N, C-alpha and C. Protein backbone atom coordinates (compact mmCIF):
# COMPACT_ATOMS: atom_id res chain seq x y z
N MET A 1 53.68 41.98 -6.64
CA MET A 1 53.31 42.10 -5.23
C MET A 1 54.00 41.00 -4.43
N ILE A 2 54.58 41.38 -3.32
CA ILE A 2 55.26 40.42 -2.45
C ILE A 2 54.23 39.82 -1.50
N GLU A 3 54.22 38.49 -1.47
CA GLU A 3 53.31 37.77 -0.58
C GLU A 3 53.82 37.86 0.86
N PRO A 4 52.92 37.93 1.84
CA PRO A 4 53.38 37.91 3.23
C PRO A 4 54.09 36.59 3.54
N VAL A 5 55.06 36.65 4.41
CA VAL A 5 55.82 35.47 4.78
C VAL A 5 54.99 34.61 5.71
N LYS A 6 54.96 33.31 5.44
CA LYS A 6 54.26 32.37 6.31
C LYS A 6 55.25 31.93 7.39
N ARG A 7 54.98 32.34 8.62
CA ARG A 7 55.87 32.05 9.74
C ARG A 7 55.82 30.59 10.13
N ASP A 8 56.98 30.03 10.51
CA ASP A 8 57.04 28.68 11.05
C ASP A 8 56.42 28.68 12.44
N PRO A 9 55.79 27.57 12.84
CA PRO A 9 55.22 27.51 14.19
C PRO A 9 56.30 27.60 15.26
N VAL A 10 55.96 28.22 16.37
CA VAL A 10 56.89 28.40 17.49
C VAL A 10 56.43 27.51 18.63
N ARG A 11 57.37 26.68 19.10
CA ARG A 11 57.08 25.80 20.23
C ARG A 11 57.65 26.42 21.51
N LEU A 12 57.26 25.88 22.63
CA LEU A 12 57.76 26.34 23.93
C LEU A 12 59.28 26.33 23.93
N GLY A 13 59.87 27.43 24.36
CA GLY A 13 61.32 27.54 24.44
C GLY A 13 61.99 27.99 23.14
N GLN A 14 61.21 28.26 22.10
CA GLN A 14 61.77 28.71 20.83
C GLN A 14 61.52 30.20 20.63
N GLU A 15 62.29 30.78 19.71
CA GLU A 15 62.15 32.18 19.30
C GLU A 15 61.91 32.22 17.81
N SER A 16 61.00 33.07 17.39
CA SER A 16 60.80 33.31 15.96
C SER A 16 61.59 34.53 15.54
N VAL A 17 62.30 34.41 14.42
CA VAL A 17 63.04 35.56 13.91
C VAL A 17 62.09 36.66 13.47
N TRP A 18 60.82 36.35 13.33
CA TRP A 18 59.82 37.36 12.94
C TRP A 18 59.35 38.18 14.13
N ASP A 19 59.80 37.79 15.33
CA ASP A 19 59.54 38.61 16.52
C ASP A 19 60.74 39.48 16.87
N TYR A 20 61.85 39.31 16.16
CA TYR A 20 63.01 40.17 16.37
C TYR A 20 62.73 41.54 15.76
N PRO A 21 63.34 42.57 16.33
CA PRO A 21 63.03 43.95 15.89
C PRO A 21 63.86 44.41 14.70
N ARG A 22 63.46 45.52 14.16
CA ARG A 22 64.25 46.30 13.20
C ARG A 22 64.05 47.74 13.61
N PRO A 23 65.09 48.50 13.91
CA PRO A 23 66.50 48.14 13.85
C PRO A 23 66.83 46.99 14.80
N PRO A 24 67.97 46.32 14.53
CA PRO A 24 68.33 45.14 15.31
C PRO A 24 68.61 45.45 16.78
N LEU A 25 68.35 44.45 17.60
CA LEU A 25 68.63 44.49 19.02
C LEU A 25 69.97 43.80 19.27
N VAL A 26 70.79 44.39 20.13
CA VAL A 26 72.05 43.77 20.54
C VAL A 26 71.89 43.40 22.01
N GLU A 27 72.23 42.14 22.33
CA GLU A 27 72.08 41.71 23.72
C GLU A 27 73.20 40.76 24.13
N HIS A 28 73.61 40.91 25.40
CA HIS A 28 74.51 39.92 25.99
C HIS A 28 73.70 38.65 26.20
N THR A 29 74.36 37.52 26.11
CA THR A 29 73.72 36.25 26.38
C THR A 29 74.64 35.41 27.25
N THR A 30 74.08 34.49 27.98
CA THR A 30 74.88 33.61 28.83
C THR A 30 75.24 32.32 28.10
N GLU A 31 74.92 32.22 26.82
CA GLU A 31 75.21 31.02 26.06
C GLU A 31 76.72 30.80 25.93
N HIS A 32 77.09 29.53 25.87
CA HIS A 32 78.49 29.14 25.71
C HIS A 32 78.73 28.80 24.24
N VAL A 33 79.72 29.44 23.64
CA VAL A 33 80.01 29.27 22.21
C VAL A 33 81.40 28.66 22.04
N THR A 34 81.47 27.67 21.14
CA THR A 34 82.76 27.14 20.72
C THR A 34 82.82 27.16 19.20
N ILE A 35 84.04 27.28 18.68
CA ILE A 35 84.28 27.21 17.24
C ILE A 35 85.48 26.30 17.02
N GLU A 36 85.31 25.36 16.07
CA GLU A 36 86.40 24.45 15.71
C GLU A 36 86.79 24.69 14.26
N LEU A 37 88.09 24.63 14.01
CA LEU A 37 88.63 24.80 12.66
C LEU A 37 89.89 23.96 12.54
N ASN A 38 89.97 23.20 11.47
CA ASN A 38 91.14 22.35 11.20
C ASN A 38 91.49 21.46 12.39
N GLY A 39 90.46 20.90 13.00
CA GLY A 39 90.66 19.94 14.08
C GLY A 39 90.99 20.53 15.44
N ALA A 40 90.96 21.86 15.55
CA ALA A 40 91.29 22.50 16.83
C ALA A 40 90.16 23.43 17.26
N THR A 41 89.97 23.56 18.57
CA THR A 41 89.04 24.54 19.10
C THR A 41 89.74 25.89 19.09
N ILE A 42 89.18 26.83 18.32
CA ILE A 42 89.83 28.14 18.21
C ILE A 42 89.13 29.21 19.03
N VAL A 43 87.90 28.92 19.49
CA VAL A 43 87.17 29.82 20.38
C VAL A 43 86.41 28.96 21.38
N ASP A 44 86.43 29.38 22.63
CA ASP A 44 85.67 28.74 23.70
C ASP A 44 85.35 29.85 24.70
N THR A 45 84.12 30.38 24.63
CA THR A 45 83.80 31.57 25.44
C THR A 45 82.32 31.62 25.82
N SER A 46 82.06 32.28 26.92
CA SER A 46 80.70 32.64 27.32
C SER A 46 80.55 34.16 27.34
N ASP A 47 81.55 34.87 26.84
CA ASP A 47 81.48 36.32 26.68
C ASP A 47 80.90 36.58 25.30
N VAL A 48 79.59 36.52 25.22
CA VAL A 48 78.90 36.48 23.92
C VAL A 48 77.86 37.59 23.83
N VAL A 49 77.82 38.21 22.67
CA VAL A 49 76.78 39.19 22.34
C VAL A 49 76.11 38.69 21.08
N ARG A 50 74.81 38.78 21.01
CA ARG A 50 74.13 38.40 19.78
C ARG A 50 73.31 39.56 19.26
N VAL A 51 73.20 39.62 17.94
CA VAL A 51 72.40 40.64 17.26
C VAL A 51 71.16 39.95 16.70
N LEU A 52 70.01 40.51 17.03
CA LEU A 52 68.72 39.95 16.62
C LEU A 52 68.02 40.94 15.70
N GLU A 53 67.73 40.49 14.48
CA GLU A 53 67.09 41.35 13.48
C GLU A 53 66.00 40.58 12.76
N THR A 54 64.90 41.25 12.51
CA THR A 54 63.76 40.64 11.83
C THR A 54 64.20 39.80 10.64
N SER A 55 63.74 38.57 10.59
CA SER A 55 63.93 37.60 9.51
C SER A 55 65.30 36.95 9.48
N HIS A 56 66.18 37.28 10.42
CA HIS A 56 67.54 36.74 10.44
C HIS A 56 67.77 35.91 11.69
N PRO A 57 68.42 34.74 11.54
CA PRO A 57 68.87 34.05 12.75
C PRO A 57 69.88 34.92 13.48
N PRO A 58 70.06 34.71 14.77
CA PRO A 58 71.02 35.53 15.52
C PRO A 58 72.42 35.45 14.92
N VAL A 59 73.12 36.57 15.00
CA VAL A 59 74.54 36.61 14.67
C VAL A 59 75.28 36.78 15.98
N TYR A 60 76.24 35.90 16.21
CA TYR A 60 77.00 35.91 17.46
C TYR A 60 78.29 36.70 17.28
N TYR A 61 78.55 37.61 18.21
CA TYR A 61 79.77 38.42 18.21
C TYR A 61 80.59 38.02 19.43
N LEU A 62 81.83 37.67 19.17
CA LEU A 62 82.72 37.12 20.18
C LEU A 62 83.91 38.05 20.36
N PRO A 63 84.46 38.12 21.56
CA PRO A 63 85.61 39.01 21.76
C PRO A 63 86.79 38.60 20.89
N ARG A 64 87.42 39.59 20.34
CA ARG A 64 88.63 39.34 19.53
C ARG A 64 89.63 38.51 20.36
N SER A 65 89.71 38.80 21.65
CA SER A 65 90.66 38.11 22.52
C SER A 65 90.31 36.63 22.75
N ALA A 66 89.11 36.20 22.39
CA ALA A 66 88.71 34.80 22.56
C ALA A 66 89.27 33.88 21.47
N PHE A 67 89.77 34.48 20.38
CA PHE A 67 90.31 33.69 19.28
C PHE A 67 91.76 33.32 19.56
N ALA A 68 92.12 32.13 19.17
CA ALA A 68 93.50 31.69 19.33
C ALA A 68 94.44 32.69 18.65
N ALA A 69 95.58 32.92 19.23
CA ALA A 69 96.53 33.91 18.73
C ALA A 69 96.96 33.60 17.30
N GLY A 70 97.04 34.65 16.48
CA GLY A 70 97.54 34.54 15.12
C GLY A 70 96.54 34.08 14.08
N LEU A 71 95.31 33.78 14.49
CA LEU A 71 94.32 33.26 13.53
C LEU A 71 93.63 34.34 12.71
N LEU A 72 93.49 35.53 13.24
CA LEU A 72 92.73 36.59 12.57
C LEU A 72 93.66 37.42 11.70
N LYS A 73 93.34 37.48 10.41
CA LYS A 73 94.14 38.26 9.46
C LYS A 73 93.20 39.16 8.66
N PRO A 74 93.58 40.42 8.42
CA PRO A 74 92.74 41.31 7.61
C PRO A 74 92.47 40.70 6.24
N ALA A 75 91.25 40.89 5.75
CA ALA A 75 90.86 40.41 4.42
C ALA A 75 90.34 41.60 3.61
N ALA A 76 90.35 41.46 2.32
CA ALA A 76 89.92 42.54 1.42
C ALA A 76 88.43 42.81 1.56
N GLY A 77 88.08 44.07 1.34
CA GLY A 77 86.69 44.46 1.23
C GLY A 77 86.08 45.02 2.50
N HIS A 78 84.98 45.73 2.27
CA HIS A 78 84.16 46.31 3.33
C HIS A 78 82.71 46.19 2.90
N SER A 79 81.82 46.28 3.85
CA SER A 79 80.40 46.37 3.55
C SER A 79 79.79 47.38 4.51
N TYR A 80 78.56 47.75 4.24
CA TYR A 80 77.89 48.77 5.05
C TYR A 80 76.55 48.25 5.52
N CYS A 81 76.31 48.37 6.81
CA CYS A 81 75.00 48.08 7.40
C CYS A 81 74.39 49.41 7.81
N GLU A 82 73.17 49.63 7.40
CA GLU A 82 72.52 50.90 7.72
C GLU A 82 72.38 51.13 9.22
N TYR A 83 72.48 50.09 10.02
CA TYR A 83 72.35 50.23 11.46
C TYR A 83 73.69 50.21 12.18
N LYS A 84 74.55 49.28 11.81
CA LYS A 84 75.80 49.07 12.56
C LYS A 84 76.99 49.82 11.99
N GLY A 85 76.95 50.21 10.72
CA GLY A 85 78.04 50.98 10.13
C GLY A 85 78.87 50.17 9.15
N VAL A 86 80.15 50.53 9.03
CA VAL A 86 81.06 49.91 8.07
C VAL A 86 81.73 48.70 8.70
N ALA A 87 81.63 47.57 8.00
CA ALA A 87 82.24 46.32 8.47
C ALA A 87 83.50 46.04 7.67
N GLY A 88 84.51 45.56 8.36
CA GLY A 88 85.71 45.03 7.72
C GLY A 88 85.68 43.51 7.82
N TYR A 89 86.48 42.85 7.00
CA TYR A 89 86.47 41.39 6.95
C TYR A 89 87.78 40.81 7.44
N LEU A 90 87.71 39.55 7.88
CA LEU A 90 88.87 38.84 8.38
C LEU A 90 88.91 37.44 7.80
N SER A 91 90.10 36.98 7.50
CA SER A 91 90.31 35.56 7.27
C SER A 91 90.61 34.97 8.64
N ILE A 92 90.11 33.75 8.85
CA ILE A 92 90.31 33.08 10.12
C ILE A 92 91.02 31.77 9.81
N GLY A 93 92.27 31.68 10.24
CA GLY A 93 93.07 30.51 9.90
C GLY A 93 93.11 30.34 8.39
N SER A 94 92.74 29.16 7.93
CA SER A 94 92.76 28.85 6.50
C SER A 94 91.48 29.25 5.77
N SER A 95 90.53 29.87 6.46
CA SER A 95 89.25 30.24 5.86
C SER A 95 89.23 31.72 5.48
N PRO A 96 89.23 32.02 4.17
CA PRO A 96 89.25 33.42 3.73
C PRO A 96 87.91 34.11 4.00
N ARG A 97 87.99 35.37 4.41
CA ARG A 97 86.79 36.19 4.66
C ARG A 97 85.73 35.44 5.46
N ALA A 98 86.15 34.82 6.53
CA ALA A 98 85.27 33.98 7.33
C ALA A 98 84.62 34.74 8.49
N GLY A 99 85.02 36.00 8.70
CA GLY A 99 84.45 36.78 9.79
C GLY A 99 84.45 38.25 9.45
N TRP A 100 83.76 39.01 10.27
CA TRP A 100 83.71 40.46 10.08
C TRP A 100 83.62 41.17 11.41
N PHE A 101 83.85 42.48 11.36
CA PHE A 101 83.88 43.28 12.58
C PHE A 101 83.52 44.72 12.24
N TYR A 102 83.14 45.47 13.26
CA TYR A 102 82.87 46.91 13.14
C TYR A 102 83.86 47.62 14.05
N SER A 103 84.90 48.21 13.47
CA SER A 103 85.91 48.87 14.30
C SER A 103 85.35 50.12 14.97
N THR A 104 84.43 50.81 14.29
CA THR A 104 83.77 51.99 14.85
C THR A 104 82.27 51.86 14.59
N PRO A 105 81.58 51.06 15.40
CA PRO A 105 80.15 50.85 15.16
C PRO A 105 79.35 52.13 15.31
N SER A 106 78.22 52.17 14.66
CA SER A 106 77.30 53.31 14.76
C SER A 106 76.76 53.43 16.19
N PRO A 107 76.27 54.63 16.55
CA PRO A 107 75.68 54.82 17.88
C PRO A 107 74.60 53.77 18.16
N GLY A 108 74.64 53.23 19.36
CA GLY A 108 73.71 52.19 19.77
C GLY A 108 74.29 50.80 19.60
N TYR A 109 75.39 50.69 18.85
CA TYR A 109 76.00 49.38 18.59
C TYR A 109 77.46 49.36 19.04
N GLU A 110 77.85 50.29 19.89
CA GLU A 110 79.23 50.40 20.35
C GLU A 110 79.74 49.11 21.01
N ILE A 111 78.84 48.33 21.58
CA ILE A 111 79.22 47.08 22.24
C ILE A 111 79.88 46.09 21.28
N LEU A 112 79.69 46.30 19.96
CA LEU A 112 80.27 45.39 18.97
C LEU A 112 81.75 45.68 18.70
N ALA A 113 82.24 46.83 19.12
CA ALA A 113 83.67 47.14 18.94
C ALA A 113 84.50 46.07 19.65
N GLU A 114 85.57 45.65 19.03
CA GLU A 114 86.47 44.60 19.56
C GLU A 114 85.82 43.23 19.60
N ARG A 115 84.74 43.05 18.82
CA ARG A 115 84.09 41.74 18.71
C ARG A 115 84.09 41.31 17.25
N ILE A 116 84.10 40.00 17.07
CA ILE A 116 84.17 39.40 15.74
C ILE A 116 82.93 38.53 15.54
N ALA A 117 82.30 38.64 14.37
CA ALA A 117 81.23 37.73 13.96
C ALA A 117 81.84 36.75 12.96
N VAL A 118 81.36 35.52 13.00
CA VAL A 118 81.93 34.45 12.17
C VAL A 118 80.83 33.80 11.35
N TYR A 119 81.13 33.55 10.08
CA TYR A 119 80.22 32.74 9.25
C TYR A 119 80.36 31.29 9.69
N PRO A 120 79.33 30.72 10.31
CA PRO A 120 79.49 29.35 10.82
C PRO A 120 79.77 28.33 9.72
N GLY A 121 79.29 28.59 8.50
CA GLY A 121 79.55 27.66 7.40
C GLY A 121 81.00 27.63 6.96
N ALA A 122 81.79 28.62 7.38
CA ALA A 122 83.21 28.67 7.02
C ALA A 122 84.08 27.94 8.04
N MET A 123 83.49 27.49 9.12
CA MET A 123 84.22 26.78 10.17
C MET A 123 83.88 25.29 10.08
N ASP A 124 84.67 24.47 10.75
CA ASP A 124 84.37 23.03 10.80
C ASP A 124 83.12 22.78 11.65
N ARG A 125 83.03 23.51 12.76
CA ARG A 125 81.89 23.32 13.67
C ARG A 125 81.80 24.52 14.59
N CYS A 126 80.58 25.00 14.78
CA CYS A 126 80.28 26.04 15.77
C CYS A 126 79.19 25.47 16.66
N THR A 127 79.29 25.73 17.97
CA THR A 127 78.25 25.27 18.88
C THR A 127 77.75 26.41 19.75
N VAL A 128 76.50 26.29 20.15
CA VAL A 128 75.89 27.17 21.14
C VAL A 128 75.34 26.25 22.22
N ASP A 129 75.86 26.38 23.43
CA ASP A 129 75.47 25.52 24.55
C ASP A 129 75.52 24.04 24.16
N GLY A 130 76.56 23.66 23.41
CA GLY A 130 76.78 22.26 23.05
C GLY A 130 76.06 21.79 21.80
N GLU A 131 75.15 22.59 21.28
CA GLU A 131 74.42 22.21 20.06
C GLU A 131 75.15 22.72 18.83
N THR A 132 75.35 21.84 17.86
CA THR A 132 75.99 22.24 16.61
C THR A 132 75.06 23.17 15.84
N VAL A 133 75.62 24.28 15.40
CA VAL A 133 74.88 25.32 14.68
C VAL A 133 74.76 24.96 13.21
N ARG A 134 73.63 25.33 12.62
CA ARG A 134 73.45 25.25 11.17
C ARG A 134 73.60 26.67 10.64
N ALA A 135 74.36 26.82 9.55
CA ALA A 135 74.60 28.14 8.97
C ALA A 135 73.37 28.63 8.21
N GLN A 136 73.12 29.92 8.30
CA GLN A 136 72.07 30.56 7.51
C GLN A 136 72.41 30.41 6.03
N ASP A 137 71.40 30.14 5.21
CA ASP A 137 71.61 30.02 3.77
C ASP A 137 72.15 31.32 3.19
N GLY A 138 72.83 31.17 2.06
CA GLY A 138 73.41 32.33 1.40
C GLY A 138 74.80 32.60 1.94
N ASP A 139 75.48 33.56 1.36
CA ASP A 139 76.85 33.83 1.79
C ASP A 139 77.03 35.26 2.27
N TYR A 140 75.94 35.87 2.75
CA TYR A 140 76.04 37.26 3.14
C TYR A 140 75.77 37.50 4.62
N TYR A 141 74.73 36.90 5.17
CA TYR A 141 74.25 37.31 6.50
C TYR A 141 74.97 36.68 7.68
N GLY A 142 75.29 35.41 7.65
CA GLY A 142 76.07 34.80 8.72
C GLY A 142 75.33 34.43 9.99
N GLY A 143 74.02 34.19 9.91
CA GLY A 143 73.26 33.81 11.09
C GLY A 143 73.56 32.40 11.57
N TRP A 144 73.33 32.18 12.86
CA TRP A 144 73.57 30.89 13.51
C TRP A 144 72.21 30.29 13.87
N ILE A 145 71.88 29.13 13.31
CA ILE A 145 70.58 28.50 13.53
C ILE A 145 70.74 27.31 14.49
N THR A 146 69.95 27.34 15.55
CA THR A 146 69.85 26.22 16.49
C THR A 146 68.39 25.79 16.54
N LYS A 147 68.12 24.71 17.28
CA LYS A 147 66.74 24.23 17.42
C LYS A 147 65.85 25.27 18.10
N LYS A 148 66.46 26.20 18.79
CA LYS A 148 65.71 27.23 19.52
C LYS A 148 65.15 28.32 18.59
N ILE A 149 65.68 28.42 17.37
CA ILE A 149 65.34 29.51 16.46
C ILE A 149 64.49 28.98 15.31
N VAL A 150 63.37 29.65 15.03
CA VAL A 150 62.52 29.26 13.91
C VAL A 150 62.35 30.43 12.95
N GLY A 151 62.06 30.12 11.70
CA GLY A 151 61.98 31.10 10.61
C GLY A 151 60.60 31.19 10.01
N PRO A 152 60.58 31.28 8.70
CA PRO A 152 61.68 31.08 7.75
C PRO A 152 62.70 32.22 7.82
N PHE A 153 63.89 31.93 7.28
CA PHE A 153 65.02 32.83 7.39
C PHE A 153 65.36 33.48 6.05
N LYS A 154 65.69 34.76 6.11
CA LYS A 154 66.18 35.45 4.92
C LYS A 154 67.53 34.85 4.53
N GLY A 155 67.82 34.85 3.24
CA GLY A 155 69.12 34.38 2.76
C GLY A 155 69.01 33.30 1.71
N SER A 156 67.97 32.47 1.78
CA SER A 156 67.84 31.42 0.79
C SER A 156 67.19 31.97 -0.48
N THR A 157 67.20 31.17 -1.53
CA THR A 157 66.62 31.57 -2.80
C THR A 157 65.18 32.04 -2.61
N GLY A 158 64.86 33.18 -3.22
CA GLY A 158 63.50 33.69 -3.16
C GLY A 158 63.22 34.64 -2.00
N THR A 159 64.23 34.94 -1.18
CA THR A 159 63.99 35.78 -0.01
C THR A 159 64.50 37.21 -0.18
N VAL A 160 65.04 37.54 -1.33
CA VAL A 160 65.63 38.87 -1.53
C VAL A 160 64.61 39.97 -1.28
N GLY A 161 63.36 39.79 -1.65
CA GLY A 161 62.36 40.84 -1.52
C GLY A 161 61.75 40.99 -0.14
N TRP A 162 62.18 40.17 0.81
CA TRP A 162 61.60 40.28 2.16
C TRP A 162 61.99 41.56 2.82
């Protein structure tokens, strides 16, 4: 029997990932995102969409055009999300399989076309409104954790059954 998840307390101005919906919600945000890799800023944009799904920190999707020229290279493999469809992978600069995209997202997620999600742990630094992001545990989901987001979060040891 799986025990119910004990939610972290939510303070004023915070969001609990346990209040996020399933199927996931896609929303534009006014947050400013930067990504640094190998000592250079490779993304600096406020054209940001985030995906919110129960038990997951937000995943930020950034316009392909926001990445410095020549950094995005196709990488091997695909995965399938029951909501968003088939994802392809990208190497970003010197980081293999550091991002993913949906070239033909499922209905309801069309806004993700021409956008790239990045594993923050594969970059030197990712920020949201100036705050350095902490990467979601595990190597599959790619959520971005800030002080505004509380869990617990899927991805760490013992969370497979959630």
